[in-house]
Amino acid sequence: MAIVAVSIAPTGEGPSVSRYVAAALCVLERQDRVRWELNPMFTTLEGEVDDIFALIRGMQEAVFAEGAVRVGTVIKIDERRDKEVHMEDKLRAAEAALAARGDSMGSSSAD
């Protein structure tokens, strides 16, 4: 089981990339093997690493099919083999650590 953060963006296509993001997300919506969550900067994927790699390749191809001629992809992988961990488990662990310190999730100095 792996949790992967991926960002796929065209290079040299101007400041707005939302149509390319939408094309990549369509690849995720058409499958049911990998759980995913869209975030402001990355998309988080959860599943078997081989399935995730295949999806990332499909997402890249979708961005090229949308007209991009150059695509940059950033991938961060957290793969555990000692136990199964889900996205929510990682969030709960961080929240518990903050609670133990007397802090809370959801607030920032920018608020």
PDB file of N, CA and C in Angstrom:
ATOM      1  N   MET A   1       0.864  -1.179   0.000  1.00  0.00           N
ATOM      2  CA  MET A   1       0.000   0.000   0.000  1.00  0.00           C
ATOM      3  C   MET A   1       0.900   1.229   0.000  1.00  0.00           C
ATOM      4  N   ALA A   2       0.561   2.193  -0.834  1.00  0.00           N
ATOM      5  CA  ALA A   2       1.331   3.429  -0.923  1.00  0.00           C
ATOM      6  C   ALA A   2       0.396   4.626  -0.886  1.00  0.00           C
ATOM      7  N   ILE A   3       0.921   5.707  -0.353  1.00  0.00           N
ATOM      8  CA  ILE A   3       0.265   7.007  -0.429  1.00  0.00           C
ATOM      9  C   ILE A   3       1.214   7.889  -1.223  1.00  0.00           C
ATOM     10  N   VAL A   4       0.696   8.485  -2.277  1.00  0.00           N
ATOM     11  CA  VAL A   4       1.531   9.229  -3.217  1.00  0.00           C
ATOM     12  C   VAL A   4       0.947  10.610  -3.446  1.00  0.00           C
ATOM     13  N   ALA A   5       1.817  11.615  -3.397  1.00  0.00           N
ATOM     14  CA  ALA A   5       1.432  12.971  -3.786  1.00  0.00           C
ATOM     15  C   ALA A   5       1.992  13.205  -5.178  1.00  0.00           C
ATOM     16  N   VAL A   6       1.148  13.662  -6.092  1.00  0.00           N
ATOM     17  CA  VAL A   6       1.592  13.897  -7.462  1.00  0.00           C
ATOM     18  C   VAL A   6       1.090  15.251  -7.947  1.00  0.00           C
ATOM     19  N   SER A   7       1.959  15.944  -8.652  1.00  0.00           N
ATOM     20  CA  SER A   7       1.606  17.195  -9.312  1.00  0.00           C
ATOM     21  C   SER A   7       2.067  17.093 -10.758  1.00  0.00           C
ATOM     22  N   ILE A   8       1.144  17.276 -11.672  1.00  0.00           N
ATOM     23  CA  ILE A   8       1.444  17.189 -13.101  1.00  0.00           C
ATOM     24  C   ILE A   8       1.003  18.496 -13.734  1.00  0.00           C
ATOM     25  N   ALA A   9       1.944  19.194 -14.360  1.00  0.00           N
ATOM     26  CA  ALA A   9       1.606  20.497 -14.939  1.00  0.00           C
ATOM     27  C   ALA A   9       2.382  20.722 -16.228  1.00  0.00           C
ATOM     28  N   PRO A  10       1.729  21.338 -17.205  1.00  0.00           N
ATOM     29  CA  PRO A  10       2.431  21.684 -18.437  1.00  0.00           C
ATOM     30  C   PRO A  10       3.401  22.827 -18.179  1.00  0.00           C
ATOM     31  N   THR A  11       4.447  22.868 -18.959  1.00  0.00           N
ATOM     32  CA  THR A  11       5.422  23.951 -18.870  1.00  0.00           C
ATOM     33  C   THR A  11       5.245  24.856 -20.076  1.00  0.00           C
ATOM     34  N   GLY A  12       5.240  26.164 -19.830  1.00  0.00           N
ATOM     35  CA  GLY A  12       5.157  27.119 -20.925  1.00  0.00           C
ATOM     36  C   GLY A  12       3.769  27.315 -21.489  1.00  0.00           C
ATOM     37  N   GLU A  13       2.741  26.973 -20.739  1.00  0.00           N
ATOM     38  CA  GLU A  13       1.366  27.092 -21.230  1.00  0.00           C
ATOM     39  C   GLU A  13       0.611  28.259 -20.611  1.00  0.00           C
ATOM     40  N   GLY A  14       1.298  29.154 -19.910  1.00  0.00           N
ATOM     41  CA  GLY A  14       0.633  30.297 -19.297  1.00  0.00           C
ATOM     42  C   GLY A  14       0.345  30.060 -17.829  1.00  0.00           C
ATOM     43  N   PRO A  15      -0.236  31.064 -17.178  1.00  0.00           N
ATOM     44  CA  PRO A  15      -0.426  30.984 -15.727  1.00  0.00           C
ATOM     45  C   PRO A  15      -1.555  30.065 -15.269  1.00  0.00           C
ATOM     46  N   SER A  16      -2.535  29.802 -16.099  1.00  0.00           N
ATOM     47  CA  SER A  16      -3.662  28.967 -15.687  1.00  0.00           C
ATOM     48  C   SER A  16      -3.510  27.562 -16.258  1.00  0.00           C
ATOM     49  N   VAL A  17      -3.537  26.578 -15.372  1.00  0.00           N
ATOM     50  CA  VAL A  17      -3.388  25.190 -15.813  1.00  0.00           C
ATOM     51  C   VAL A  17      -4.610  24.338 -15.455  1.00  0.00           C
ATOM     52  N   SER A  18      -5.708  24.979 -15.076  1.00  0.00           N
ATOM     53  CA  SER A  18      -6.872  24.224 -14.591  1.00  0.00           C
ATOM     54  C   SER A  18      -7.429  23.266 -15.640  1.00  0.00           C
ATOM     55  N   ARG A  19      -7.380  23.612 -16.905  1.00  0.00           N
ATOM     56  CA  ARG A  19      -7.922  22.688 -17.914  1.00  0.00           C
ATOM     57  C   ARG A  19      -7.057  21.432 -18.021  1.00  0.00           C
ATOM     58  N   TYR A  20      -5.755  21.574 -17.791  1.00  0.00           N
ATOM     59  CA  TYR A  20      -4.859  20.418 -17.803  1.00  0.00           C
ATOM     60  C   TYR A  20      -5.080  19.553 -16.562  1.00  0.00           C
ATOM     61  N   VAL A  21      -5.281  20.213 -15.429  1.00  0.00           N
ATOM     62  CA  VAL A  21      -5.591  19.486 -14.194  1.00  0.00           C
ATOM     63  C   VAL A  21      -6.883  18.693 -14.380  1.00  0.00           C
ATOM     64  N   ALA A  22      -7.879  19.308 -14.967  1.00  0.00           N
ATOM     65  CA  ALA A  22      -9.160  18.626 -15.205  1.00  0.00           C
ATOM     66  C   ALA A  22      -8.965  17.399 -16.091  1.00  0.00           C
ATOM     67  N   ALA A  23      -8.125  17.521 -17.110  1.00  0.00           N
ATOM     68  CA  ALA A  23      -7.867  16.377 -17.997  1.00  0.00           C
ATOM     69  C   ALA A  23      -7.219  15.232 -17.223  1.00  0.00           C
ATOM     70  N   ALA A  24      -6.270  15.559 -16.354  1.00  0.00           N
ATOM     71  CA  ALA A  24      -5.611  14.527 -15.546  1.00  0.00           C
ATOM     72  C   ALA A  24      -6.588  13.894 -14.561  1.00  0.00           C
ATOM     73  N   LEU A  25      -7.456  14.702 -13.975  1.00  0.00           N
ATOM     74  CA  LEU A  25      -8.425  14.182 -13.003  1.00  0.00           C
ATOM     75  C   LEU A  25      -9.450  13.256 -13.655  1.00  0.00           C
ATOM     76  N   CYS A  26      -9.751  13.487 -14.918  1.00  0.00           N
ATOM     77  CA  CYS A  26     -10.677  12.591 -15.628  1.00  0.00           C
ATOM     78  C   CYS A  26     -10.142  11.159 -15.642  1.00  0.00           C
ATOM     79  N   VAL A  27      -8.821  11.011 -15.728  1.00  0.00           N
ATOM     80  CA  VAL A  27      -8.210   9.678 -15.684  1.00  0.00           C
ATOM     81  C   VAL A  27      -8.524   9.010 -14.348  1.00  0.00           C
ATOM     82  N   LEU A  28      -8.430   9.773 -13.267  1.00  0.00           N
ATOM     83  CA  LEU A  28      -8.713   9.229 -11.936  1.00  0.00           C
ATOM     84  C   LEU A  28     -10.184   8.885 -11.765  1.00  0.00           C
ATOM     85  N   GLU A  29     -11.050   9.722 -12.314  1.00  0.00           N
ATOM     86  CA  GLU A  29     -12.489   9.488 -12.166  1.00  0.00           C
ATOM     87  C   GLU A  29     -12.960   8.241 -12.900  1.00  0.00           C
ATOM     88  N   ARG A  30     -12.223   7.818 -13.920  1.00  0.00           N
ATOM     89  CA  ARG A  30     -12.630   6.661 -14.728  1.00  0.00           C
ATOM     90  C   ARG A  30     -12.143   5.324 -14.161  1.00  0.00           C
ATOM     91  N   GLN A  31     -11.544   5.328 -12.989  1.00  0.00           N
ATOM     92  CA  GLN A  31     -11.013   4.088 -12.424  1.00  0.00           C
ATOM     93  C   GLN A  31     -11.518   3.918 -10.995  1.00  0.00           C
ATOM     94  N   ASP A  32     -11.361   2.699 -10.466  1.00  0.00           N
ATOM     95  CA  ASP A  32     -11.821   2.450  -9.100  1.00  0.00           C
ATOM     96  C   ASP A  32     -10.821   1.667  -8.246  1.00  0.00           C
ATOM     97  N   ARG A  33      -9.595   1.556  -8.686  1.00  0.00           N
ATOM     98  CA  ARG A  33      -8.583   0.794  -7.942  1.00  0.00           C
ATOM     99  C   ARG A  33      -7.801   1.654  -6.952  1.00  0.00           C
ATOM    100  N   VAL A  34      -7.714   2.939  -7.218  1.00  0.00           N
ATOM    101  CA  VAL A  34      -6.908   3.844  -6.397  1.00  0.00           C
ATOM    102  C   VAL A  34      -7.803   4.941  -5.838  1.00  0.00           C
ATOM    103  N   ARG A  35      -7.736   5.144  -4.515  1.00  0.00           N
ATOM    104  CA  ARG A  35      -8.450   6.266  -3.895  1.00  0.00           C
ATOM    105  C   ARG A  35      -7.642   7.530  -4.169  1.00  0.00           C
ATOM    106  N   TRP A  36      -8.332   8.657  -4.283  1.00  0.00           N
ATOM    107  CA  TRP A  36      -7.611   9.899  -4.551  1.00  0.00           C
ATOM    108  C   TRP A  36      -8.330  11.077  -3.933  1.00  0.00           C
ATOM    109  N   GLU A  37      -7.551  12.127  -3.712  1.00  0.00           N
ATOM    110  CA  GLU A  37      -8.080  13.357  -3.132  1.00  0.00           C
ATOM    111  C   GLU A  37      -7.340  14.540  -3.753  1.00  0.00           C
ATOM    112  N   LEU A  38      -8.091  15.480  -4.270  1.00  0.00           N
ATOM    113  CA  LEU A  38      -7.513  16.685  -4.864  1.00  0.00           C
ATOM    114  C   LEU A  38      -7.213  17.698  -3.761  1.00  0.00           C
ATOM    115  N   ASN A  39      -6.010  18.259  -3.797  1.00  0.00           N
ATOM    116  CA  ASN A  39      -5.585  19.302  -2.872  1.00  0.00           C
ATOM    117  C   ASN A  39      -5.160  20.518  -3.691  1.00  0.00           C
ATOM    118  N   PRO A  40      -4.960  21.674  -3.068  1.00  0.00           N
ATOM    119  CA  PRO A  40      -4.607  22.868  -3.835  1.00  0.00           C
ATOM    120  C   PRO A  40      -3.317  22.744  -4.657  1.00  0.00           C
ATOM    121  N   MET A  41      -2.339  21.991  -4.157  1.00  0.00           N
ATOM    122  CA  MET A  41      -1.048  21.921  -4.835  1.00  0.00           C
ATOM    123  C   MET A  41      -0.718  20.546  -5.423  1.00  0.00           C
ATOM    124  N   PHE A  42      -1.298  19.497  -4.866  1.00  0.00           N
ATOM    125  CA  PHE A  42      -1.016  18.128  -5.291  1.00  0.00           C
ATOM    126  C   PHE A  42      -2.318  17.340  -5.326  1.00  0.00           C
ATOM    127  N   THR A  43      -2.267  16.170  -5.921  1.00  0.00           N
ATOM    128  CA  THR A  43      -3.332  15.188  -5.804  1.00  0.00           C
ATOM    129  C   THR A  43      -2.743  14.019  -5.036  1.00  0.00           C
ATOM    130  N   THR A  44      -3.450  13.559  -4.000  1.00  0.00           N
ATOM    131  CA  THR A  44      -2.977  12.447  -3.191  1.00  0.00           C
ATOM    132  C   THR A  44      -3.655  11.174  -3.672  1.00  0.00           C
ATOM    133  N   LEU A  45      -2.854  10.142  -3.897  1.00  0.00           N
ATOM    134  CA  LEU A  45      -3.333   8.851  -4.375  1.00  0.00           C
ATOM    135  C   LEU A  45      -3.031   7.792  -3.317  1.00  0.00           C
ATOM    136  N   GLU A  46      -3.912   6.809  -3.180  1.00  0.00           N
ATOM    137  CA  GLU A  46      -3.703   5.733  -2.211  1.00  0.00           C
ATOM    138  C   GLU A  46      -4.073   4.414  -2.852  1.00  0.00           C
ATOM    139  N   GLY A  47      -3.122   3.475  -2.861  1.00  0.00           N
ATOM    140  CA  GLY A  47      -3.393   2.170  -3.444  1.00  0.00           C
ATOM    141  C   GLY A  47      -2.121   1.393  -3.657  1.00  0.00           C
ATOM    142  N   GLU A  48      -2.201   0.383  -4.496  1.00  0.00           N
ATOM    143  CA  GLU A  48      -1.023  -0.413  -4.829  1.00  0.00           C
ATOM    144  C   GLU A  48      -0.120   0.408  -5.745  1.00  0.00           C
ATOM    145  N   VAL A  49       1.169   0.353  -5.474  1.00  0.00           N
ATOM    146  CA  VAL A  49       2.101   1.241  -6.157  1.00  0.00           C
ATOM    147  C   VAL A  49       2.093   1.038  -7.677  1.00  0.00           C
ATOM    148  N   ASP A  50       1.961  -0.188  -8.152  1.00  0.00           N
ATOM    149  CA  ASP A  50       1.927  -0.416  -9.604  1.00  0.00           C
ATOM    150  C   ASP A  50       0.699   0.230 -10.239  1.00  0.00           C
ATOM    151  N   ASP A  51      -0.434   0.154  -9.556  1.00  0.00           N
ATOM    152  CA  ASP A  51      -1.644   0.812 -10.054  1.00  0.00           C
ATOM    153  C   ASP A  51      -1.454   2.324 -10.097  1.00  0.00           C
ATOM    154  N   ILE A  52      -0.820   2.860  -9.067  1.00  0.00           N
ATOM    155  CA  ILE A  52      -0.595   4.307  -8.997  1.00  0.00           C
ATOM    156  C   ILE A  52       0.328   4.763 -10.118  1.00  0.00           C
ATOM    157  N   PHE A  53       1.425   4.022 -10.349  1.00  0.00           N
ATOM    158  CA  PHE A  53       2.342   4.406 -11.428  1.00  0.00           C
ATOM    159  C   PHE A  53       1.637   4.398 -12.782  1.00  0.00           C
ATOM    160  N   ALA A  54       0.803   3.405 -13.016  1.00  0.00           N
ATOM    161  CA  ALA A  54       0.061   3.346 -14.281  1.00  0.00           C
ATOM    162  C   ALA A  54      -0.880   4.542 -14.411  1.00  0.00           C
ATOM    163  N   LEU A  55      -1.530   4.914 -13.317  1.00  0.00           N
ATOM    164  CA  LEU A  55      -2.428   6.073 -13.352  1.00  0.00           C
ATOM    165  C   LEU A  55      -1.664   7.364 -13.610  1.00  0.00           C
ATOM    166  N   ILE A  56      -0.526   7.519 -12.964  1.00  0.00           N
ATOM    167  CA  ILE A  56       0.269   8.734 -13.173  1.00  0.00           C
ATOM    168  C   ILE A  56       0.660   8.848 -14.639  1.00  0.00           C
ATOM    169  N   ARG A  57       1.051   7.750 -15.243  1.00  0.00           N
ATOM    170  CA  ARG A  57       1.399   7.782 -16.674  1.00  0.00           C
ATOM    171  C   ARG A  57       0.187   8.185 -17.504  1.00  0.00           C
ATOM    172  N   GLY A  58      -0.966   7.650 -17.161  1.00  0.00           N
ATOM    173  CA  GLY A  58      -2.192   8.030 -17.863  1.00  0.00           C
ATOM    174  C   GLY A  58      -2.530   9.494 -17.678  1.00  0.00           C
ATOM    175  N   MET A  59      -2.294  10.014 -16.475  1.00  0.00           N
ATOM    176  CA  MET A  59      -2.543  11.433 -16.208  1.00  0.00           C
ATOM    177  C   MET A  59      -1.613  12.309 -17.042  1.00  0.00           C
ATOM    178  N   GLN A  60      -0.343  11.907 -17.134  1.00  0.00           N
ATOM    179  CA  GLN A  60       0.594  12.655 -17.975  1.00  0.00           C
ATOM    180  C   GLN A  60       0.129  12.661 -19.425  1.00  0.00           C
ATOM    181  N   GLU A  61      -0.266  11.511 -19.925  1.00  0.00           N
ATOM    182  CA  GLU A  61      -0.726  11.420 -21.312  1.00  0.00           C
ATOM    183  C   GLU A  61      -1.962  12.278 -21.541  1.00  0.00           C
ATOM    184  N   ALA A  62      -2.836  12.371 -20.545  1.00  0.00           N
ATOM    185  CA  ALA A  62      -4.032  13.211 -20.675  1.00  0.00           C
ATOM    186  C   ALA A  62      -3.657  14.680 -20.804  1.00  0.00           C
ATOM    187  N   VAL A  63      -2.623  15.105 -20.082  1.00  0.00           N
ATOM    188  CA  VAL A  63      -2.166  16.497 -20.182  1.00  0.00           C
ATOM    189  C   VAL A  63      -1.554  16.747 -21.561  1.00  0.00           C
ATOM    190  N   PHE A  64      -0.780  15.795 -22.070  1.00  0.00           N
ATOM    191  CA  PHE A  64      -0.252  15.928 -23.431  1.00  0.00           C
ATOM    192  C   PHE A  64      -1.390  15.967 -24.449  1.00  0.00           C
ATOM    193  N   ALA A  65      -2.391  15.132 -24.269  1.00  0.00           N
ATOM    194  CA  ALA A  65      -3.524  15.087 -25.199  1.00  0.00           C
ATOM    195  C   ALA A  65      -4.302  16.394 -25.200  1.00  0.00           C
ATOM    196  N   GLU A  66      -4.212  17.132 -24.103  1.00  0.00           N
ATOM    197  CA  GLU A  66      -4.891  18.428 -23.999  1.00  0.00           C
ATOM    198  C   GLU A  66      -4.130  19.521 -24.755  1.00  0.00           C
ATOM    199  N   GLY A  67      -2.935  19.188 -25.273  1.00  0.00           N
ATOM    200  CA  GLY A  67      -2.187  20.138 -26.083  1.00  0.00           C
ATOM    201  C   GLY A  67      -0.843  20.556 -25.529  1.00  0.00           C
ATOM    202  N   ALA A  68      -0.489  20.103 -24.347  1.00  0.00           N
ATOM    203  CA  ALA A  68       0.817  20.458 -23.787  1.00  0.00           C
ATOM    204  C   ALA A  68       1.919  19.772 -24.586  1.00  0.00           C
ATOM    205  N   VAL A  69       3.047  20.456 -24.753  1.00  0.00           N
ATOM    206  CA  VAL A  69       4.181  19.854 -25.446  1.00  0.00           C
ATOM    207  C   VAL A  69       5.305  19.497 -24.474  1.00  0.00           C
ATOM    208  N   ARG A  70       5.205  20.003 -23.244  1.00  0.00           N
ATOM    209  CA  ARG A  70       6.181  19.683 -22.203  1.00  0.00           C
ATOM    210  C   ARG A  70       5.433  19.609 -20.871  1.00  0.00           C
ATOM    211  N   VAL A  71       5.691  18.544 -20.110  1.00  0.00           N
ATOM    212  CA  VAL A  71       4.973  18.322 -18.854  1.00  0.00           C
ATOM    213  C   VAL A  71       5.976  18.024 -17.745  1.00  0.00           C
ATOM    214  N   GLY A  72       5.816  18.729 -16.622  1.00  0.00           N
ATOM    215  CA  GLY A  72       6.628  18.464 -15.436  1.00  0.00           C
ATOM    216  C   GLY A  72       5.801  17.686 -14.425  1.00  0.00           C
ATOM    217  N   THR A  73       6.393  16.648 -13.861  1.00  0.00           N
ATOM    218  CA  THR A  73       5.692  15.811 -12.890  1.00  0.00           C
ATOM    219  C   THR A  73       6.534  15.683 -11.627  1.00  0.00           C
ATOM    220  N   VAL A  74       5.910  15.960 -10.480  1.00  0.00           N
ATOM    221  CA  VAL A  74       6.546  15.794  -9.176  1.00  0.00           C
ATOM    222  C   VAL A  74       5.808  14.678  -8.451  1.00  0.00           C
ATOM    223  N   ILE A  75       6.563  13.703  -7.946  1.00  0.00           N
ATOM    224  CA  ILE A  75       5.969  12.554  -7.259  1.00  0.00           C
ATOM    225  C   ILE A  75       6.665  12.362  -5.916  1.00  0.00           C
ATOM    226  N   LYS A  76       5.864  12.224  -4.858  1.00  0.00           N
ATOM    227  CA  LYS A  76       6.380  11.888  -3.525  1.00  0.00           C
ATOM    228  C   LYS A  76       5.664  10.623  -3.074  1.00  0.00           C
ATOM    229  N   ILE A  77       6.435   9.591  -2.715  1.00  0.00           N
ATOM    230  CA  ILE A  77       5.873   8.279  -2.404  1.00  0.00           C
ATOM    231  C   ILE A  77       6.155   7.904  -0.953  1.00  0.00           C
ATOM    232  N   ASP A  78       5.110   7.480  -0.252  1.00  0.00           N
ATOM    233  CA  ASP A  78       5.238   6.894   1.086  1.00  0.00           C
ATOM    234  C   ASP A  78       4.682   5.483   0.985  1.00  0.00           C
ATOM    235  N   GLU A  79       5.573   4.509   0.889  1.00  0.00           N
ATOM    236  CA  GLU A  79       5.148   3.114   0.756  1.00  0.00           C
ATOM    237  C   GLU A  79       5.601   2.343   1.985  1.00  0.00           C
ATOM    238  N   ARG A  80       4.646   1.777   2.708  1.00  0.00           N
ATOM    239  CA  ARG A  80       4.959   0.973   3.890  1.00  0.00           C
ATOM    240  C   ARG A  80       4.657  -0.478   3.585  1.00  0.00           C
ATOM    241  N   ARG A  81       5.529  -1.345   4.062  1.00  0.00           N
ATOM    242  CA  ARG A  81       5.306  -2.778   3.876  1.00  0.00           C
ATOM    243  C   ARG A  81       5.109  -3.506   5.202  1.00  0.00           C
ATOM    244  N   ASP A  82       5.259  -2.781   6.312  1.00  0.00           N
ATOM    245  CA  ASP A  82       5.073  -3.417   7.613  1.00  0.00           C
ATOM    246  C   ASP A  82       3.623  -3.388   8.072  1.00  0.00           C
ATOM    247  N   LYS A  83       2.845  -2.410   7.594  1.00  0.00           N
ATOM    248  CA  LYS A  83       1.427  -2.343   7.927  1.00  0.00           C
ATOM    249  C   LYS A  83       0.715  -1.467   6.911  1.00  0.00           C
ATOM    250  N   GLU A  84      -0.591  -1.649   6.825  1.00  0.00           N
ATOM    251  CA  GLU A  84      -1.395  -0.860   5.896  1.00  0.00           C
ATOM    252  C   GLU A  84      -1.757   0.472   6.550  1.00  0.00           C
ATOM    253  N   VAL A  85      -1.435   1.557   5.876  1.00  0.00           N
ATOM    254  CA  VAL A  85      -1.727   2.897   6.380  1.00  0.00           C
ATOM    255  C   VAL A  85      -2.514   3.649   5.312  1.00  0.00           C
ATOM    256  N   HIS A  86      -3.543   4.357   5.744  1.00  0.00           N
ATOM    257  CA  HIS A  86      -4.385   5.125   4.835  1.00  0.00           C
ATOM    258  C   HIS A  86      -4.160   6.622   5.037  1.00  0.00           C
ATOM    259  N   MET A  87      -4.626   7.414   4.093  1.00  0.00           N
ATOM    260  CA  MET A  87      -4.490   8.870   4.173  1.00  0.00           C
ATOM    261  C   MET A  87      -5.010   9.392   5.505  1.00  0.00           C
ATOM    262  N   GLU A  88      -6.173   8.905   5.913  1.00  0.00           N
ATOM    263  CA  GLU A  88      -6.795   9.375   7.153  1.00  0.00           C
ATOM    264  C   GLU A  88      -5.942   9.041   8.373  1.00  0.00           C
ATOM    265  N   ASP A  89      -5.243   7.903   8.329  1.00  0.00           N
ATOM    266  CA  ASP A  89      -4.377   7.518   9.444  1.00  0.00           C
ATOM    267  C   ASP A  89      -3.256   8.532   9.634  1.00  0.00           C
ATOM    268  N   LYS A  90      -2.688   8.986   8.536  1.00  0.00           N
ATOM    269  CA  LYS A  90      -1.609   9.976   8.622  1.00  0.00           C
ATOM    270  C   LYS A  90      -2.127  11.291   9.196  1.00  0.00           C
ATOM    271  N   LEU A  91      -3.328  11.689   8.795  1.00  0.00           N
ATOM    272  CA  LEU A  91      -3.917  12.917   9.340  1.00  0.00           C
ATOM    273  C   LEU A  91      -4.214  12.776  10.827  1.00  0.00           C
ATOM    274  N   ARG A  92      -4.792  11.638  11.214  1.00  0.00           N
ATOM    275  CA  ARG A  92      -5.095  11.418  12.638  1.00  0.00           C
ATOM    276  C   ARG A  92      -3.826  11.429  13.479  1.00  0.00           C
ATOM    277  N   ALA A  93      -2.757  10.851  12.980  1.00  0.00           N
ATOM    278  CA  ALA A  93      -1.495  10.832  13.725  1.00  0.00           C
ATOM    279  C   ALA A  93      -0.970  12.250  13.930  1.00  0.00           C
ATOM    280  N   ALA A  94      -1.053  13.084  12.895  1.00  0.00           N
ATOM    281  CA  ALA A  94      -0.602  14.477  13.022  1.00  0.00           C
ATOM    282  C   ALA A  94      -1.497  15.247  13.986  1.00  0.00           C
ATOM    283  N   GLU A  95      -2.806  15.024  13.901  1.00  0.00           N
ATOM    284  CA  GLU A  95      -3.743  15.697  14.811  1.00  0.00           C
ATOM    285  C   GLU A  95      -3.494  15.281  16.257  1.00  0.00           C
ATOM    286  N   ALA A  96      -3.218  14.003  16.480  1.00  0.00           N
ATOM    287  CA  ALA A  96      -2.944  13.518  17.832  1.00  0.00           C
ATOM    288  C   ALA A  96      -1.662  14.133  18.380  1.00  0.00           C
ATOM    289  N   ALA A  97      -0.646  14.253  17.529  1.00  0.00           N
ATOM    290  CA  ALA A  97       0.608  14.868  17.969  1.00  0.00           C
ATOM    291  C   ALA A  97       0.394  16.335  18.326  1.00  0.00           C
ATOM    292  N   LEU A  98      -0.413  17.036  17.540  1.00  0.00           N
ATOM    293  CA  LEU A  98      -0.721  18.434  17.853  1.00  0.00           C
ATOM    294  C   LEU A  98      -1.522  18.547  19.142  1.00  0.00           C
ATOM    295  N   ALA A  99      -2.492  17.664  19.319  1.00  0.00           N
ATOM    296  CA  ALA A  99      -3.309  17.691  20.533  1.00  0.00           C
ATOM    297  C   ALA A  99      -2.446  17.452  21.767  1.00  0.00           C
ATOM    298  N   ALA A 100      -1.474  16.559  21.643  1.00  0.00           N
ATOM    299  CA  ALA A 100      -0.578  16.277  22.763  1.00  0.00           C
ATOM    300  C   ALA A 100       0.248  17.506  23.128  1.00  0.00           C
ATOM    301  N   ARG A 101       0.476  18.371  22.164  1.00  0.00           N
ATOM    302  CA  ARG A 101       1.227  19.608  22.403  1.00  0.00           C
ATOM    303  C   ARG A 101       0.315  20.752  22.818  1.00  0.00           C
ATOM    304  N   GLY A 102      -1.004  20.528  22.739  1.00  0.00           N
ATOM    305  CA  GLY A 102      -1.956  21.579  23.084  1.00  0.00           C
ATOM    306  C   GLY A 102      -2.313  22.477  21.923  1.00  0.00           C
ATOM    307  N   ASP A 103      -1.961  22.076  20.712  1.00  0.00           N
ATOM    308  CA  ASP A 103      -2.280  22.846  19.509  1.00  0.00           C
ATOM    309  C   ASP A 103      -3.478  22.202  18.818  1.00  0.00           C
ATOM    310  N   SER A 104      -3.972  22.851  17.757  1.00  0.00           N
ATOM    311  CA  SER A 104      -5.081  22.262  17.008  1.00  0.00           C
ATOM    312  C   SER A 104      -4.840  22.413  15.521  1.00  0.00           C
ATOM    313  N   MET A 105      -5.438  21.506  14.744  1.00  0.00           N
ATOM    314  CA  MET A 105      -5.332  21.564  13.286  1.00  0.00           C
ATOM    315  C   MET A 105      -6.276  22.630  12.756  1.00  0.00           C
ATOM    316  N   GLY A 106      -5.940  23.193  11.624  1.00  0.00           N
ATOM    317  CA  GLY A 106      -6.857  24.092  10.940  1.00  0.00           C
ATOM    318  C   GLY A 106      -6.571  25.558  11.142  1.00  0.00           C
ATOM    319  N   SER A 107      -5.697  25.909  12.041  1.00  0.00           N
ATOM    320  CA  SER A 107      -5.387  27.327  12.213  1.00  0.00           C
ATOM    321  C   SER A 107      -3.981  27.588  11.701  1.00  0.00           C
ATOM    322  N   SER A 108      -3.769  28.820  11.264  1.00  0.00           N
ATOM    323  CA  SER A 108      -2.444  29.198  10.792  1.00  0.00           C
ATOM    324  C   SER A 108      -2.219  30.664  11.078  1.00  0.00           C
ATOM    325  N   SER A 109      -0.983  31.078  10.960  1.00  0.00           N
ATOM    326  CA  SER A 109      -0.664  32.481  11.214  1.00  0.00           C
ATOM    327  C   SER A 109      -1.206  33.387  10.121  1.00  0.00           C
ATOM    328  N   ALA A 110      -1.618  32.812   8.985  1.00  0.00           N
ATOM    329  CA  ALA A 110      -2.143  33.611   7.875  1.00  0.00           C
ATOM    330  C   ALA A 110      -3.629  33.910   8.034  1.00  0.00           C
ATOM    331  N   ASP A 111      -4.284  33.298   9.026  1.00  0.00           N
ATOM    332  CA  ASP A 111      -5.730  33.516   9.216  1.00  0.00           C
ATOM    333  C   ASP A 111      -6.034  34.914   9.690  1.00  0.00           C
TER     334      ASP A 111
END
